[in-house]
Amino acid sequence: MKHQEDDEQQALFEWAGYVPELRWMFAIPNGGKRNIREAARFKKQGVKAGVSDVVQPLPRGKYCGLYIEMKRSTGQTHVTAAQNDFITAMREAGYKAVICHGFEEAKSTIEDYLKL
């Protein structure tokens, strides 16, 4: 279960590779455990706590783009205060910003967003 969230996000991008509308969807590598030196280096490069894992930058309907915070589909998951703050800020800015529990929920969210 340790890497379930990573595996589900990987499955999402494998599926996205078959969907032309998702050509520009990308991941933001903010998560993960790092040693203090590496964390400081990433912070200097602009990594910010709470930023969602997946971005579909193209607008659809009333939204400027889509942010997805990935969580595993089974077991307990935790959303940090920083993640909640980011999601709230993105919603206020006109983005669709959601928490998805696993590949299937993320896929369904994207299909709905794109009206596939």
PDB file of N, CA and C in Angstrom:
ATOM      1  N   MET A   1       0.829  -1.200   0.000  1.00  0.00           N
ATOM      2  CA  MET A   1       0.000   0.000   0.000  1.00  0.00           C
ATOM      3  C   MET A   1       0.865   1.253   0.000  1.00  0.00           C
ATOM      4  N   LYS A   2       2.142   1.127   0.308  1.00  0.00           N
ATOM      5  CA  LYS A   2       3.037   2.268   0.443  1.00  0.00           C
ATOM      6  C   LYS A   2       3.070   3.134  -0.817  1.00  0.00           C
ATOM      7  N   HIS A   3       3.068   2.499  -1.985  1.00  0.00           N
ATOM      8  CA  HIS A   3       3.171   3.255  -3.235  1.00  0.00           C
ATOM      9  C   HIS A   3       1.873   3.235  -4.037  1.00  0.00           C
ATOM     10  N   GLN A   4       0.764   2.888  -3.405  1.00  0.00           N
ATOM     11  CA  GLN A   4      -0.493   2.786  -4.137  1.00  0.00           C
ATOM     12  C   GLN A   4      -0.862   4.094  -4.826  1.00  0.00           C
ATOM     13  N   GLU A   5      -0.700   5.222  -4.141  1.00  0.00           N
ATOM     14  CA  GLU A   5      -1.022   6.508  -4.752  1.00  0.00           C
ATOM     15  C   GLU A   5      -0.153   6.741  -5.987  1.00  0.00           C
ATOM     16  N   ASP A   6       1.129   6.435  -5.887  1.00  0.00           N
ATOM     17  CA  ASP A   6       2.032   6.582  -7.034  1.00  0.00           C
ATOM     18  C   ASP A   6       1.599   5.682  -8.181  1.00  0.00           C
ATOM     19  N   ASP A   7       1.251   4.434  -7.875  1.00  0.00           N
ATOM     20  CA  ASP A   7       0.843   3.488  -8.906  1.00  0.00           C
ATOM     21  C   ASP A   7      -0.439   3.949  -9.601  1.00  0.00           C
ATOM     22  N   GLU A   8      -1.368   4.490  -8.821  1.00  0.00           N
ATOM     23  CA  GLU A   8      -2.629   4.945  -9.414  1.00  0.00           C
ATOM     24  C   GLU A   8      -2.409   6.181 -10.275  1.00  0.00           C
ATOM     25  N   GLN A   9      -1.517   7.064  -9.869  1.00  0.00           N
ATOM     26  CA  GLN A   9      -1.204   8.226 -10.701  1.00  0.00           C
ATOM     27  C   GLN A   9      -0.490   7.778 -11.974  1.00  0.00           C
ATOM     28  N   GLN A  10       0.381   6.810 -11.870  1.00  0.00           N
ATOM     29  CA  GLN A  10       1.051   6.278 -13.058  1.00  0.00           C
ATOM     30  C   GLN A  10       0.031   5.680 -14.021  1.00  0.00           C
ATOM     31  N   ALA A  11      -0.938   4.925 -13.505  1.00  0.00           N
ATOM     32  CA  ALA A  11      -1.993   4.356 -14.345  1.00  0.00           C
ATOM     33  C   ALA A  11      -2.791   5.465 -15.031  1.00  0.00           C
ATOM     34  N   LEU A  12      -3.024   6.566 -14.321  1.00  0.00           N
ATOM     35  CA  LEU A  12      -3.751   7.696 -14.904  1.00  0.00           C
ATOM     36  C   LEU A  12      -3.006   8.254 -16.115  1.00  0.00           C
ATOM     37  N   PHE A  13      -1.697   8.406 -15.989  1.00  0.00           N
ATOM     38  CA  PHE A  13      -0.925   8.962 -17.104  1.00  0.00           C
ATOM     39  C   PHE A  13      -0.758   7.954 -18.238  1.00  0.00           C
ATOM     40  N   GLU A  14      -0.743   6.674 -17.913  1.00  0.00           N
ATOM     41  CA  GLU A  14      -0.738   5.665 -18.981  1.00  0.00           C
ATOM     42  C   GLU A  14      -2.028   5.752 -19.785  1.00  0.00           C
ATOM     43  N   TRP A  15      -3.164   5.846 -19.111  1.00  0.00           N
ATOM     44  CA  TRP A  15      -4.455   6.009 -19.791  1.00  0.00           C
ATOM     45  C   TRP A  15      -4.480   7.315 -20.586  1.00  0.00           C
ATOM     46  N   ALA A  16      -3.995   8.400 -19.990  1.00  0.00           N
ATOM     47  CA  ALA A  16      -4.014   9.717 -20.644  1.00  0.00           C
ATOM     48  C   ALA A  16      -3.224   9.716 -21.950  1.00  0.00           C
ATOM     49  N   GLY A  17      -2.222   8.848 -22.043  1.00  0.00           N
ATOM     50  CA  GLY A  17      -1.434   8.756 -23.260  1.00  0.00           C
ATOM     51  C   GLY A  17      -2.248   8.353 -24.483  1.00  0.00           C
ATOM     52  N   TYR A  18      -3.430   7.794 -24.255  1.00  0.00           N
ATOM     53  CA  TYR A  18      -4.317   7.387 -25.348  1.00  0.00           C
ATOM     54  C   TYR A  18      -5.407   8.419 -25.635  1.00  0.00           C
ATOM     55  N   VAL A  19      -5.388   9.527 -24.916  1.00  0.00           N
ATOM     56  CA  VAL A  19      -6.432  10.549 -25.052  1.00  0.00           C
ATOM     57  C   VAL A  19      -5.799  11.826 -25.586  1.00  0.00           C
ATOM     58  N   PRO A  20      -5.992  12.134 -26.875  1.00  0.00           N
ATOM     59  CA  PRO A  20      -5.326  13.304 -27.463  1.00  0.00           C
ATOM     60  C   PRO A  20      -5.578  14.614 -26.716  1.00  0.00           C
ATOM     61  N   GLU A  21      -6.761  14.779 -26.132  1.00  0.00           N
ATOM     62  CA  GLU A  21      -7.086  16.011 -25.416  1.00  0.00           C
ATOM     63  C   GLU A  21      -6.235  16.204 -24.162  1.00  0.00           C
ATOM     64  N   LEU A  22      -5.542  15.145 -23.740  1.00  0.00           N
ATOM     65  CA  LEU A  22      -4.731  15.212 -22.520  1.00  0.00           C
ATOM     66  C   LEU A  22      -3.248  15.352 -22.821  1.00  0.00           C
ATOM     67  N   ARG A  23      -2.944  15.754 -24.031  1.00  0.00           N
ATOM     68  CA  ARG A  23      -1.548  15.892 -24.456  1.00  0.00           C
ATOM     69  C   ARG A  23      -0.722  16.753 -23.503  1.00  0.00           C
ATOM     70  N   TRP A  24      -1.323  17.794 -22.960  1.00  0.00           N
ATOM     71  CA  TRP A  24      -0.575  18.738 -22.119  1.00  0.00           C
ATOM     72  C   TRP A  24      -0.800  18.536 -20.625  1.00  0.00           C
ATOM     73  N   MET A  25      -1.522  17.493 -20.244  1.00  0.00           N
ATOM     74  CA  MET A  25      -1.689  17.204 -18.817  1.00  0.00           C
ATOM     75  C   MET A  25      -0.329  16.811 -18.243  1.00  0.00           C
ATOM     76  N   PHE A  26      -0.039  17.272 -17.025  1.00  0.00           N
ATOM     77  CA  PHE A  26       1.255  16.972 -16.427  1.00  0.00           C
ATOM     78  C   PHE A  26       1.150  16.827 -14.916  1.00  0.00           C
ATOM     79  N   ALA A  27       2.201  16.253 -14.345  1.00  0.00           N
ATOM     80  CA  ALA A  27       2.282  16.055 -12.895  1.00  0.00           C
ATOM     81  C   ALA A  27       3.236  17.069 -12.296  1.00  0.00           C
ATOM     82  N   ILE A  28       2.961  17.413 -11.048  1.00  0.00           N
ATOM     83  CA  ILE A  28       3.828  18.313 -10.290  1.00  0.00           C
ATOM     84  C   ILE A  28       4.454  17.495  -9.166  1.00  0.00           C
ATOM     85  N   PRO A  29       5.764  17.306  -9.175  1.00  0.00           N
ATOM     86  CA  PRO A  29       6.412  16.432  -8.190  1.00  0.00           C
ATOM     87  C   PRO A  29       6.675  17.115  -6.848  1.00  0.00           C
ATOM     88  N   ASN A  30       5.604  17.510  -6.170  1.00  0.00           N
ATOM     89  CA  ASN A  30       5.748  18.182  -4.880  1.00  0.00           C
ATOM     90  C   ASN A  30       5.840  17.212  -3.715  1.00  0.00           C
ATOM     91  N   GLY A  31       5.309  16.016  -3.870  1.00  0.00           N
ATOM     92  CA  GLY A  31       5.228  15.088  -2.748  1.00  0.00           C
ATOM     93  C   GLY A  31       6.498  14.288  -2.549  1.00  0.00           C
ATOM     94  N   GLY A  32       6.407  13.372  -1.642  1.00  0.00           N
ATOM     95  CA  GLY A  32       7.516  12.457  -1.401  1.00  0.00           C
ATOM     96  C   GLY A  32       8.394  12.905  -0.251  1.00  0.00           C
ATOM     97  N   LYS A  33       9.069  11.949   0.299  1.00  0.00           N
ATOM     98  CA  LYS A  33      10.004  12.219   1.392  1.00  0.00           C
ATOM     99  C   LYS A  33      11.374  12.539   0.809  1.00  0.00           C
ATOM    100  N   ARG A  34      11.966  13.599   1.312  1.00  0.00           N
ATOM    101  CA  ARG A  34      13.285  14.012   0.841  1.00  0.00           C
ATOM    102  C   ARG A  34      14.157  14.320   2.042  1.00  0.00           C
ATOM    103  N   ASN A  35      15.469  14.196   1.849  1.00  0.00           N
ATOM    104  CA  ASN A  35      16.340  14.608   2.941  1.00  0.00           C
ATOM    105  C   ASN A  35      16.337  16.134   3.016  1.00  0.00           C
ATOM    106  N   ILE A  36      16.854  16.674   4.081  1.00  0.00           N
ATOM    107  CA  ILE A  36      16.769  18.117   4.334  1.00  0.00           C
ATOM    108  C   ILE A  36      17.441  18.930   3.235  1.00  0.00           C
ATOM    109  N   ARG A  37      18.603  18.504   2.769  1.00  0.00           N
ATOM    110  CA  ARG A  37      19.312  19.240   1.705  1.00  0.00           C
ATOM    111  C   ARG A  37      18.516  19.278   0.414  1.00  0.00           C
ATOM    112  N   GLU A  38      17.994  18.105   0.037  1.00  0.00           N
ATOM    113  CA  GLU A  38      17.219  18.032  -1.200  1.00  0.00           C
ATOM    114  C   GLU A  38      15.934  18.849  -1.082  1.00  0.00           C
ATOM    115  N   ALA A  39      15.272  18.789   0.055  1.00  0.00           N
ATOM    116  CA  ALA A  39      14.052  19.565   0.270  1.00  0.00           C
ATOM    117  C   ALA A  39      14.343  21.062   0.168  1.00  0.00           C
ATOM    118  N   ALA A  40      15.447  21.509   0.742  1.00  0.00           N
ATOM    119  CA  ALA A  40      15.824  22.928   0.672  1.00  0.00           C
ATOM    120  C   ALA A  40      16.102  23.339  -0.773  1.00  0.00           C
ATOM    121  N   ARG A  41      16.764  22.467  -1.523  1.00  0.00           N
ATOM    122  CA  ARG A  41      17.059  22.760  -2.933  1.00  0.00           C
ATOM    123  C   ARG A  41      15.766  22.880  -3.738  1.00  0.00           C
ATOM    124  N   PHE A  42      14.842  21.940  -3.541  1.00  0.00           N
ATOM    125  CA  PHE A  42      13.563  22.001  -4.252  1.00  0.00           C
ATOM    126  C   PHE A  42      12.781  23.254  -3.877  1.00  0.00           C
ATOM    127  N   LYS A  43      12.804  23.621  -2.598  1.00  0.00           N
ATOM    128  CA  LYS A  43      12.091  24.820  -2.148  1.00  0.00           C
ATOM    129  C   LYS A  43      12.646  26.069  -2.847  1.00  0.00           C
ATOM    130  N   LYS A  44      13.971  26.140  -2.972  1.00  0.00           N
ATOM    131  CA  LYS A  44      14.596  27.271  -3.677  1.00  0.00           C
ATOM    132  C   LYS A  44      14.207  27.298  -5.144  1.00  0.00           C
ATOM    133  N   GLN A  45      13.886  26.137  -5.694  1.00  0.00           N
ATOM    134  CA  GLN A  45      13.492  26.044  -7.100  1.00  0.00           C
ATOM    135  C   GLN A  45      12.000  26.304  -7.306  1.00  0.00           C
ATOM    136  N   GLY A  46      11.274  26.547  -6.217  1.00  0.00           N
ATOM    137  CA  GLY A  46       9.875  26.925  -6.349  1.00  0.00           C
ATOM    138  C   GLY A  46       8.843  25.883  -5.966  1.00  0.00           C
ATOM    139  N   VAL A  47       9.275  24.730  -5.477  1.00  0.00           N
ATOM    140  CA  VAL A  47       8.324  23.723  -5.030  1.00  0.00           C
ATOM    141  C   VAL A  47       7.560  24.281  -3.828  1.00  0.00           C
ATOM    142  N   LYS A  48       6.239  24.105  -3.843  1.00  0.00           N
ATOM    143  CA  LYS A  48       5.399  24.635  -2.775  1.00  0.00           C
ATOM    144  C   LYS A  48       4.530  23.523  -2.192  1.00  0.00           C
ATOM    145  N   ALA A  49       4.468  23.480  -0.896  1.00  0.00           N
ATOM    146  CA  ALA A  49       3.619  22.506  -0.216  1.00  0.00           C
ATOM    147  C   ALA A  49       2.161  22.762  -0.567  1.00  0.00           C
ATOM    148  N   GLY A  50       1.423  21.679  -0.770  1.00  0.00           N
ATOM    149  CA  GLY A  50      -0.016  21.787  -0.983  1.00  0.00           C
ATOM    150  C   GLY A  50      -0.451  21.837  -2.428  1.00  0.00           C
ATOM    151  N   VAL A  51       0.461  22.127  -3.348  1.00  0.00           N
ATOM    152  CA  VAL A  51       0.090  22.204  -4.764  1.00  0.00           C
ATOM    153  C   VAL A  51      -0.351  20.817  -5.218  1.00  0.00           C
ATOM    154  N   SER A  52      -1.432  20.764  -5.969  1.00  0.00           N
ATOM    155  CA  SER A  52      -1.999  19.494  -6.409  1.00  0.00           C
ATOM    156  C   SER A  52      -1.043  18.708  -7.296  1.00  0.00           C
ATOM    157  N   ASP A  53      -1.297  17.416  -7.399  1.00  0.00           N
ATOM    158  CA  ASP A  53      -0.410  16.483  -8.093  1.00  0.00           C
ATOM    159  C   ASP A  53      -0.493  16.541  -9.614  1.00  0.00           C
ATOM    160  N   VAL A  54      -1.692  16.765 -10.154  1.00  0.00           N
ATOM    161  CA  VAL A  54      -1.930  16.650 -11.597  1.00  0.00           C
ATOM    162  C   VAL A  54      -2.617  17.911 -12.100  1.00  0.00           C
ATOM    163  N   VAL A  55      -2.178  18.372 -13.277  1.00  0.00           N
ATOM    164  CA  VAL A  55      -2.766  19.569 -13.879  1.00  0.00           C
ATOM    165  C   VAL A  55      -3.142  19.284 -15.325  1.00  0.00           C
ATOM    166  N   GLN A  56      -4.374  19.600 -15.673  1.00  0.00           N
ATOM    167  CA  GLN A  56      -4.822  19.648 -17.072  1.00  0.00           C
ATOM    168  C   GLN A  56      -5.010  21.138 -17.337  1.00  0.00           C
ATOM    169  N   PRO A  57      -4.055  21.789 -18.044  1.00  0.00           N
ATOM    170  CA  PRO A  57      -4.040  23.247 -18.115  1.00  0.00           C
ATOM    171  C   PRO A  57      -5.028  23.875 -19.090  1.00  0.00           C
ATOM    172  N   LEU A  58      -5.682  23.080 -19.915  1.00  0.00           N
ATOM    173  CA  LEU A  58      -6.555  23.655 -20.931  1.00  0.00           C
ATOM    174  C   LEU A  58      -7.952  23.924 -20.381  1.00  0.00           C
ATOM    175  N   PRO A  59      -8.517  25.103 -20.690  1.00  0.00           N
ATOM    176  CA  PRO A  59      -9.840  25.447 -20.168  1.00  0.00           C
ATOM    177  C   PRO A  59     -10.947  24.619 -20.816  1.00  0.00           C
ATOM    178  N   ARG A  60     -11.999  24.410 -20.054  1.00  0.00           N
ATOM    179  CA  ARG A  60     -13.210  23.753 -20.539  1.00  0.00           C
ATOM    180  C   ARG A  60     -14.393  24.390 -19.831  1.00  0.00           C
ATOM    181  N   GLY A  61     -15.408  24.741 -20.608  1.00  0.00           N
ATOM    182  CA  GLY A  61     -16.610  25.332 -20.029  1.00  0.00           C
ATOM    183  C   GLY A  61     -16.274  26.555 -19.204  1.00  0.00           C
ATOM    184  N   LYS A  62     -16.737  26.572 -17.972  1.00  0.00           N
ATOM    185  CA  LYS A  62     -16.522  27.727 -17.104  1.00  0.00           C
ATOM    186  C   LYS A  62     -15.182  27.699 -16.376  1.00  0.00           C
ATOM    187  N   TYR A  63     -14.377  26.629 -16.583  1.00  0.00           N
ATOM    188  CA  TYR A  63     -13.135  26.455 -15.833  1.00  0.00           C
ATOM    189  C   TYR A  63     -11.899  26.856 -16.637  1.00  0.00           C
ATOM    190  N   CYS A  64     -10.923  27.403 -15.926  1.00  0.00           N
ATOM    191  CA  CYS A  64      -9.634  27.794 -16.529  1.00  0.00           C
ATOM    192  C   CYS A  64      -8.724  26.595 -16.748  1.00  0.00           C
ATOM    193  N   GLY A  65      -8.940  25.518 -16.026  1.00  0.00           N
ATOM    194  CA  GLY A  65      -8.114  24.319 -16.062  1.00  0.00           C
ATOM    195  C   GLY A  65      -8.548  23.412 -14.928  1.00  0.00           C
ATOM    196  N   LEU A  66      -7.860  22.286 -14.796  1.00  0.00           N
ATOM    197  CA  LEU A  66      -8.234  21.275 -13.809  1.00  0.00           C
ATOM    198  C   LEU A  66      -7.021  20.901 -12.961  1.00  0.00           C
ATOM    199  N   TYR A  67      -7.183  20.915 -11.652  1.00  0.00           N
ATOM    200  CA  TYR A  67      -6.176  20.440 -10.710  1.00  0.00           C
ATOM    201  C   TYR A  67      -6.731  19.220  -9.987  1.00  0.00           C
ATOM    202  N   ILE A  68      -5.913  18.166  -9.899  1.00  0.00           N
ATOM    203  CA  ILE A  68      -6.313  16.959  -9.183  1.00  0.00           C
ATOM    204  C   ILE A  68      -5.282  16.643  -8.104  1.00  0.00           C
ATOM    205  N   GLU A  69      -5.753  16.536  -6.882  1.00  0.00           N
ATOM    206  CA  GLU A  69      -4.937  16.033  -5.786  1.00  0.00           C
ATOM    207  C   GLU A  69      -5.224  14.545  -5.691  1.00  0.00           C
ATOM    208  N   MET A  70      -4.225  13.713  -6.008  1.00  0.00           N
ATOM    209  CA  MET A  70      -4.392  12.258  -6.004  1.00  0.00           C
ATOM    210  C   MET A  70      -4.221  11.696  -4.602  1.00  0.00           C
ATOM    211  N   LYS A  71      -5.128  10.817  -4.257  1.00  0.00           N
ATOM    212  CA  LYS A  71      -5.041  10.029  -3.028  1.00  0.00           C
ATOM    213  C   LYS A  71      -5.276   8.565  -3.410  1.00  0.00           C
ATOM    214  N   ARG A  72      -4.800   7.645  -2.600  1.00  0.00           N
ATOM    215  CA  ARG A  72      -5.016   6.240  -2.916  1.00  0.00           C
ATOM    216  C   ARG A  72      -6.498   5.897  -2.789  1.00  0.00           C
ATOM    217  N   SER A  73      -6.891   4.847  -3.479  1.00  0.00           N
ATOM    218  CA  SER A  73      -8.310   4.481  -3.510  1.00  0.00           C
ATOM    219  C   SER A  73      -8.744   3.665  -2.303  1.00  0.00           C
ATOM    220  N   THR A  74      -7.802   3.069  -1.578  1.00  0.00           N
ATOM    221  CA  THR A  74      -8.171   2.256  -0.424  1.00  0.00           C
ATOM    222  C   THR A  74      -7.427   2.737   0.817  1.00  0.00           C
ATOM    223  N   GLY A  75      -7.990   2.445   1.950  1.00  0.00           N
ATOM    224  CA  GLY A  75      -7.360   2.838   3.202  1.00  0.00           C
ATOM    225  C   GLY A  75      -7.617   4.301   3.512  1.00  0.00           C
ATOM    226  N   GLN A  76      -7.082   4.727   4.624  1.00  0.00           N
ATOM    227  CA  GLN A  76      -7.262   6.113   5.037  1.00  0.00           C
ATOM    228  C   GLN A  76      -6.362   7.022   4.220  1.00  0.00           C
ATOM    229  N   THR A  77      -6.886   8.168   3.896  1.00  0.00           N
ATOM    230  CA  THR A  77      -6.098   9.199   3.220  1.00  0.00           C
ATOM    231  C   THR A  77      -6.218  10.484   4.019  1.00  0.00           C
ATOM    232  N   HIS A  78      -5.232  11.327   3.876  1.00  0.00           N
ATOM    233  CA  HIS A  78      -5.198  12.574   4.628  1.00  0.00           C
ATOM    234  C   HIS A  78      -4.947  13.719   3.660  1.00  0.00           C
ATOM    235  N   VAL A  79      -5.753  14.753   3.768  1.00  0.00           N
ATOM    236  CA  VAL A  79      -5.554  15.974   3.002  1.00  0.00           C
ATOM    237  C   VAL A  79      -4.994  17.005   3.966  1.00  0.00           C
ATOM    238  N   THR A  80      -3.852  17.577   3.616  1.00  0.00           N
ATOM    239  CA  THR A  80      -3.218  18.547   4.514  1.00  0.00           C
ATOM    240  C   THR A  80      -3.918  19.899   4.425  1.00  0.00           C
ATOM    241  N   ALA A  81      -3.658  20.725   5.408  1.00  0.00           N
ATOM    242  CA  ALA A  81      -4.197  22.092   5.396  1.00  0.00           C
ATOM    243  C   ALA A  81      -3.688  22.836   4.165  1.00  0.00           C
ATOM    244  N   ALA A  82      -2.417  22.645   3.813  1.00  0.00           N
ATOM    245  CA  ALA A  82      -1.857  23.319   2.635  1.00  0.00           C
ATOM    246  C   ALA A  82      -2.552  22.855   1.364  1.00  0.00           C
ATOM    247  N   GLN A  83      -2.879  21.565   1.262  1.00  0.00           N
ATOM    248  CA  GLN A  83      -3.597  21.058   0.086  1.00  0.00           C
ATOM    249  C   GLN A  83      -4.997  21.650   0.012  1.00  0.00           C
ATOM    250  N   ASN A  84      -5.680  21.714   1.147  1.00  0.00           N
ATOM    251  CA  ASN A  84      -7.012  22.334   1.179  1.00  0.00           C
ATOM    252  C   ASN A  84      -6.944  23.807   0.800  1.00  0.00           C
ATOM    253  N   ASP A  85      -5.941  24.513   1.304  1.00  0.00           N
ATOM    254  CA  ASP A  85      -5.782  25.940   0.967  1.00  0.00           C
ATOM    255  C   ASP A  85      -5.571  26.119  -0.532  1.00  0.00           C
ATOM    256  N   PHE A  86      -4.723  25.276  -1.134  1.00  0.00           N
ATOM    257  CA  PHE A  86      -4.457  25.379  -2.563  1.00  0.00           C
ATOM    258  C   PHE A  86      -5.724  25.110  -3.373  1.00  0.00           C
ATOM    259  N   ILE A  87      -6.443  24.048  -3.022  1.00  0.00           N
ATOM    260  CA  ILE A  87      -7.674  23.713  -3.739  1.00  0.00           C
ATOM    261  C   ILE A  87      -8.677  24.852  -3.643  1.00  0.00           C
ATOM    262  N   THR A  88      -8.837  25.410  -2.470  1.00  0.00           N
ATOM    263  CA  THR A  88      -9.758  26.538  -2.291  1.00  0.00           C
ATOM    264  C   THR A  88      -9.344  27.739  -3.138  1.00  0.00           C
ATOM    265  N   ALA A  89      -8.054  28.060  -3.120  1.00  0.00           N
ATOM    266  CA  ALA A  89      -7.552  29.197  -3.903  1.00  0.00           C
ATOM    267  C   ALA A  89      -7.758  28.979  -5.393  1.00  0.00           C
ATOM    268  N   MET A  90      -7.529  27.773  -5.875  1.00  0.00           N
ATOM    269  CA  MET A  90      -7.705  27.495  -7.303  1.00  0.00           C
ATOM    270  C   MET A  90      -9.177  27.569  -7.693  1.00  0.00           C
ATOM    271  N   ARG A  91     -10.051  27.085  -6.841  1.00  0.00           N
ATOM    272  CA  ARG A  91     -11.492  27.191  -7.123  1.00  0.00           C
ATOM    273  C   ARG A  91     -11.908  28.654  -7.197  1.00  0.00           C
ATOM    274  N   GLU A  92     -11.414  29.451  -6.266  1.00  0.00           N
ATOM    275  CA  GLU A  92     -11.747  30.880  -6.270  1.00  0.00           C
ATOM    276  C   GLU A  92     -11.195  31.590  -7.499  1.00  0.00           C
ATOM    277  N   ALA A  93     -10.122  31.057  -8.076  1.00  0.00           N
ATOM    278  CA  ALA A  93      -9.496  31.645  -9.264  1.00  0.00           C
ATOM    279  C   ALA A  93     -10.139  31.151 -10.563  1.00  0.00           C
ATOM    280  N   GLY A  94     -11.105  30.239 -10.468  1.00  0.00           N
ATOM    281  CA  GLY A  94     -11.813  29.792 -11.656  1.00  0.00           C
ATOM    282  C   GLY A  94     -11.402  28.431 -12.200  1.00  0.00           C
ATOM    283  N   TYR A  95     -10.640  27.683 -11.428  1.00  0.00           N
ATOM    284  CA  TYR A  95     -10.241  26.332 -11.832  1.00  0.00           C
ATOM    285  C   TYR A  95     -11.162  25.297 -11.202  1.00  0.00           C
ATOM    286  N   LYS A  96     -11.268  24.152 -11.843  1.00  0.00           N
ATOM    287  CA  LYS A  96     -11.874  23.003 -11.181  1.00  0.00           C
ATOM    288  C   LYS A  96     -10.733  22.361 -10.404  1.00  0.00           C
ATOM    289  N   ALA A  97     -10.888  22.203  -9.117  1.00  0.00           N
ATOM    290  CA  ALA A  97      -9.843  21.638  -8.259  1.00  0.00           C
ATOM    291  C   ALA A  97     -10.503  20.610  -7.348  1.00  0.00           C
ATOM    292  N   VAL A  98     -10.012  19.363  -7.430  1.00  0.00           N
ATOM    293  CA  VAL A  98     -10.667  18.264  -6.745  1.00  0.00           C
ATOM    294  C   VAL A  98      -9.658  17.326  -6.104  1.00  0.00           C
ATOM    295  N   ILE A  99     -10.152  16.523  -5.186  1.00  0.00           N
ATOM    296  CA  ILE A  99      -9.396  15.412  -4.607  1.00  0.00           C
ATOM    297  C   ILE A  99      -9.981  14.141  -5.201  1.00  0.00           C
ATOM    298  N   CYS A 100      -9.136  13.299  -5.773  1.00  0.00           N
ATOM    299  CA  CYS A 100      -9.587  12.041  -6.354  1.00  0.00           C
ATOM    300  C   CYS A 100      -8.934  10.879  -5.623  1.00  0.00           C
ATOM    301  N   HIS A 101      -9.745   9.920  -5.266  1.00  0.00           N
ATOM    302  CA  HIS A 101      -9.259   8.724  -4.577  1.00  0.00           C
ATOM    303  C   HIS A 101      -9.080   7.620  -5.606  1.00  0.00           C
ATOM    304  N   GLY A 102      -7.892   7.550  -6.172  1.00  0.00           N
ATOM    305  CA  GLY A 102      -7.543   6.487  -7.099  1.00  0.00           C
ATOM    306  C   GLY A 102      -7.738   6.819  -8.559  1.00  0.00           C
ATOM    307  N   PHE A 103      -7.198   5.913  -9.369  1.00  0.00           N
ATOM    308  CA  PHE A 103      -7.220   6.048 -10.825  1.00  0.00           C
ATOM    309  C   PHE A 103      -8.631   6.218 -11.375  1.00  0.00           C
ATOM    310  N   GLU A 104      -9.548   5.337 -10.979  1.00  0.00           N
ATOM    311  CA  GLU A 104     -10.898   5.361 -11.557  1.00  0.00           C
ATOM    312  C   GLU A 104     -11.609   6.688 -11.299  1.00  0.00           C
ATOM    313  N   GLU A 105     -11.498   7.210 -10.090  1.00  0.00           N
ATOM    314  CA  GLU A 105     -12.151   8.489  -9.779  1.00  0.00           C
ATOM    315  C   GLU A 105     -11.499   9.628 -10.561  1.00  0.00           C
ATOM    316  N   ALA A 106     -10.172   9.612 -10.678  1.00  0.00           N
ATOM    317  CA  ALA A 106      -9.483  10.653 -11.442  1.00  0.00           C
ATOM    318  C   ALA A 106      -9.856  10.573 -12.917  1.00  0.00           C
ATOM    319  N   LYS A 107      -9.876   9.370 -13.468  1.00  0.00           N
ATOM    320  CA  LYS A 107     -10.254   9.173 -14.881  1.00  0.00           C
ATOM    321  C   LYS A 107     -11.668   9.694 -15.130  1.00  0.00           C
ATOM    322  N   SER A 108     -12.598   9.334 -14.262  1.00  0.00           N
ATOM    323  CA  SER A 108     -13.982   9.781 -14.387  1.00  0.00           C
ATOM    324  C   SER A 108     -14.084  11.307 -14.303  1.00  0.00           C
ATOM    325  N   THR A 109     -13.323  11.895 -13.389  1.00  0.00           N
ATOM    326  CA  THR A 109     -13.311  13.355 -13.238  1.00  0.00           C
ATOM    327  C   THR A 109     -12.811  14.024 -14.515  1.00  0.00           C
ATOM    328  N   ILE A 110     -11.749  13.485 -15.086  1.00  0.00           N
ATOM    329  CA  ILE A 110     -11.180  14.057 -16.316  1.00  0.00           C
ATOM    330  C   ILE A 110     -12.147  13.881 -17.480  1.00  0.00           C
ATOM    331  N   GLU A 111     -12.745  12.709 -17.599  1.00  0.00           N
ATOM    332  CA  GLU A 111     -13.714  12.484 -18.670  1.00  0.00           C
ATOM    333  C   GLU A 111     -14.870  13.467 -18.565  1.00  0.00           C
ATOM    334  N   ASP A 112     -15.360  13.684 -17.363  1.00  0.00           N
ATOM    335  CA  ASP A 112     -16.436  14.651 -17.151  1.00  0.00           C
ATOM    336  C   ASP A 112     -15.969  16.061 -17.504  1.00  0.00           C
ATOM    337  N   TYR A 113     -14.749  16.402 -17.081  1.00  0.00           N
ATOM    338  CA  TYR A 113     -14.197  17.727 -17.382  1.00  0.00           C
ATOM    339  C   TYR A 113     -14.105  17.959 -18.887  1.00  0.00           C
ATOM    340  N   LEU A 114     -13.637  16.948 -19.600  1.00  0.00           N
ATOM    341  CA  LEU A 114     -13.478  17.079 -21.051  1.00  0.00           C
ATOM    342  C   LEU A 114     -14.747  16.755 -21.817  1.00  0.00           C
ATOM    343  N   LYS A 115     -15.743  16.241 -21.128  1.00  0.00           N
ATOM    344  CA  LYS A 115     -17.000  15.787 -21.721  1.00  0.00           C
ATOM    345  C   LYS A 115     -16.752  14.676 -22.723  1.00  0.00           C
ATOM    346  N   LEU A 116     -15.894  13.718 -22.343  1.00  0.00           N
ATOM    347  CA  LEU A 116     -15.579  12.571 -23.213  1.00  0.00           C
ATOM    348  C   LEU A 116     -16.693  11.539 -23.164  1.00  0.00           C
TER     349      LEU A 116
END
